[in-house]
Amino acid sequence: MSAVPTPPPSTAVAGELAAEGVRVLIGSEPDVMAASRQARLLAERLGFSRSSAYHVATAASELANNLLTHAGGGLLCASPLAGRSGADQIGLELLAEDEGPGIADPELALTEGYSTGQGLGCGLPGVKRLMDEFSLESRPGGGTRVRAVKWR
């Protein structure tokens, strides 16, 4: 497992982010579980509701699983964000990057039920549904980058 340790919980005041981010190198199933757990713990430290923290964890799990399944691995980062409206708006960004084969048709990949493998085709559409912001950049042969943000 390649998770970078996160600091202990802090008591954040307005204007401070409650925790630093985490980076997990995804190369095996235990890494997928670690990414999900670390994302949930970060969301909890940032003051997200239990439900929202589990939304973040589920999205992280789906992204990490896609990294492993479709690209043979990659990097998943979870980072705190301060919103455009200032310190009162706290968010959590998930960033999944790989150097895999890319996605030939990103729009089709976001269609519920579409899968190029054995999956149910719920991963990327589910991440988009669970999070408040979602973007996907991919080039065939050039890897994929997915960014998803949840606001508190």
Protein backbone atom coordinates (compact mmCIF):
# COMPACT_ATOMS: atom_id res chain seq x y z
CA MET A 1 0.00 0.00 0.00
CA SER A 2 1.34 3.41 -0.92
CA ALA A 3 -0.79 5.84 1.07
CA VAL A 4 1.00 8.90 2.35
CA PRO A 5 0.17 9.25 6.07
CA THR A 6 -2.29 11.98 6.92
CA PRO A 7 -1.90 14.24 9.93
CA PRO A 8 -3.99 13.74 13.05
CA PRO A 9 -7.37 15.49 13.17
CA SER A 10 -7.15 19.20 13.80
CA THR A 11 -9.58 21.73 15.09
CA ALA A 12 -9.96 24.08 12.15
CA VAL A 13 -11.23 27.60 12.50
CA ALA A 14 -12.70 29.73 9.73
CA GLY A 15 -10.00 30.37 7.17
CA GLU A 16 -8.10 27.12 7.81
CA LEU A 17 -8.39 23.81 6.07
CA ALA A 18 -8.69 20.96 8.55
CA ALA A 19 -6.20 18.57 6.96
CA GLU A 20 -3.66 18.03 4.24
CA GLY A 21 -4.31 15.85 1.25
CA VAL A 22 -3.37 12.26 0.58
CA ARG A 23 -1.86 10.52 -2.45
CA VAL A 24 -2.35 6.80 -3.05
CA LEU A 25 -0.50 4.92 -5.78
CA ILE A 26 -2.96 2.38 -7.12
CA GLY A 27 -1.43 -0.93 -8.15
CA SER A 28 -3.49 -3.57 -6.34
CA GLU A 29 -6.86 -4.20 -4.68
CA PRO A 30 -5.60 -3.18 -1.20
CA ASP A 31 -4.62 0.20 -2.70
CA VAL A 32 -8.21 0.69 -3.90
CA MET A 33 -9.47 0.08 -0.35
CA ALA A 34 -6.80 2.38 1.09
CA ALA A 35 -7.77 5.19 -1.29
CA SER A 36 -11.42 4.91 -0.31
CA ARG A 37 -10.62 4.88 3.41
CA GLN A 38 -8.17 7.79 3.19
CA ALA A 39 -10.65 9.89 1.20
CA ARG A 40 -13.40 9.20 3.77
CA LEU A 41 -11.11 10.09 6.68
CA LEU A 42 -10.09 13.34 4.99
CA ALA A 43 -13.75 14.23 4.36
CA GLU A 44 -14.55 13.58 8.02
CA ARG A 45 -11.62 15.76 9.17
CA LEU A 46 -12.87 18.53 6.88
CA GLY A 47 -16.26 18.43 8.61
CA PHE A 48 -18.33 16.70 5.94
CA SER A 49 -21.50 14.95 7.08
CA ARG A 50 -21.28 11.19 7.46
CA SER A 51 -23.36 10.73 4.31
CA SER A 52 -21.19 13.09 2.26
CA ALA A 53 -18.01 11.45 3.57
CA TYR A 54 -19.30 8.10 2.34
CA HIS A 55 -20.18 9.64 -1.04
CA VAL A 56 -16.55 10.79 -1.29
CA ALA A 57 -15.31 7.33 -0.24
CA THR A 58 -17.50 5.61 -2.82
CA ALA A 59 -16.33 7.98 -5.56
CA ALA A 60 -12.69 7.41 -4.57
CA SER A 61 -13.23 3.65 -4.64
CA GLU A 62 -14.78 3.78 -8.12
CA LEU A 63 -12.01 5.99 -9.49
CA ALA A 64 -9.26 3.85 -7.93
CA ASN A 65 -10.88 0.67 -9.21
CA ASN A 66 -11.02 2.17 -12.72
CA LEU A 67 -7.32 3.05 -12.48
CA LEU A 68 -6.51 -0.54 -11.62
CA THR A 69 -8.93 -2.25 -14.01
CA HIS A 70 -8.55 -0.13 -17.13
CA ALA A 71 -5.02 1.31 -16.85
CA GLY A 72 -3.17 -1.21 -14.70
CA GLY A 73 -2.73 1.44 -12.00
CA GLY A 74 -2.30 5.13 -11.48
CA LEU A 75 -2.44 7.84 -8.85
CA LEU A 76 -5.43 8.96 -6.80
CA CYS A 77 -5.14 12.19 -4.82
CA ALA A 78 -7.63 13.57 -2.31
CA SER A 79 -7.10 17.22 -1.37
CA PRO A 80 -8.93 19.89 0.59
CA LEU A 81 -10.15 22.96 -1.31
CA ALA A 82 -11.17 26.44 -0.26
CA GLY A 83 -14.12 27.66 -2.29
CA ARG A 84 -14.32 30.70 -4.48
CA SER A 85 -16.53 32.40 -1.91
CA GLY A 86 -13.80 32.20 0.70
CA ALA A 87 -12.87 30.09 3.67
CA ASP A 88 -16.47 29.32 4.63
CA GLN A 89 -16.78 27.06 1.61
CA ILE A 90 -14.72 23.90 2.05
CA GLY A 91 -14.43 21.20 -0.56
CA LEU A 92 -12.62 17.97 -1.23
CA GLU A 93 -11.08 17.25 -4.62
CA LEU A 94 -10.45 13.76 -5.96
CA LEU A 95 -7.98 13.57 -8.82
CA ALA A 96 -7.36 10.27 -10.59
CA GLU A 97 -4.59 10.12 -13.19
CA ASP A 98 -3.15 7.28 -15.24
CA GLU A 99 -0.96 6.66 -18.24
CA GLY A 100 -3.16 3.89 -19.60
CA PRO A 101 -4.74 3.43 -23.00
CA GLY A 102 -7.17 6.32 -22.55
CA ILE A 103 -10.90 6.35 -23.22
CA ALA A 104 -11.86 6.27 -26.89
CA ASP A 105 -15.29 7.87 -26.31
CA PRO A 106 -15.49 9.75 -22.97
CA GLU A 107 -19.14 10.70 -23.54
CA LEU A 108 -20.08 7.05 -23.99
CA ALA A 109 -18.06 6.11 -20.89
CA LEU A 110 -20.33 8.42 -18.87
CA THR A 111 -23.45 6.59 -20.05
CA GLU A 112 -25.09 4.55 -17.29
CA GLY A 113 -24.63 0.85 -17.98
CA TYR A 114 -21.84 1.19 -20.55
CA SER A 115 -18.71 -0.86 -19.83
CA THR A 116 -15.73 -1.99 -21.87
CA GLY A 117 -15.04 -4.80 -19.41
CA GLN A 118 -16.84 -7.05 -16.96
CA GLY A 119 -18.24 -4.19 -14.85
CA LEU A 120 -21.77 -2.90 -14.57
CA GLY A 121 -20.94 0.45 -16.18
CA CYS A 122 -21.89 2.42 -13.07
CA GLY A 123 -18.42 3.69 -12.05
CA LEU A 124 -17.89 6.99 -13.83
CA PRO A 125 -21.60 7.87 -14.03
CA GLY A 126 -21.84 7.10 -10.30
CA VAL A 127 -18.89 9.34 -9.47
CA LYS A 128 -20.47 12.15 -11.50
CA ARG A 129 -23.76 11.67 -9.64
CA LEU A 130 -22.21 11.51 -6.14
CA MET A 131 -19.97 14.55 -6.50
CA ASP A 132 -20.80 18.22 -7.10
CA GLU A 133 -18.28 18.81 -9.90
CA PHE A 134 -16.88 16.34 -12.42
CA SER A 135 -14.51 16.55 -15.37
CA LEU A 136 -12.83 13.92 -17.51
CA GLU A 137 -9.92 14.38 -19.91
CA SER A 138 -8.67 11.46 -21.97
CA ARG A 139 -6.80 10.73 -25.16
CA PRO A 140 -6.56 7.29 -26.74
CA GLY A 141 -3.02 6.15 -25.94
CA GLY A 142 -2.46 9.21 -23.75
CA GLY A 143 -3.95 8.36 -20.38
CA THR A 144 -6.91 9.71 -18.46
CA ARG A 145 -7.45 12.39 -15.82
CA VAL A 146 -10.66 12.58 -13.80
CA ARG A 147 -11.38 15.40 -11.35
CA ALA A 148 -14.34 15.29 -8.98
CA VAL A 149 -15.18 17.76 -6.20
CA LYS A 150 -17.58 17.54 -3.27
CA TRP A 151 -18.50 20.74 -1.40
CA ARG A 152 -19.37 20.73 2.28
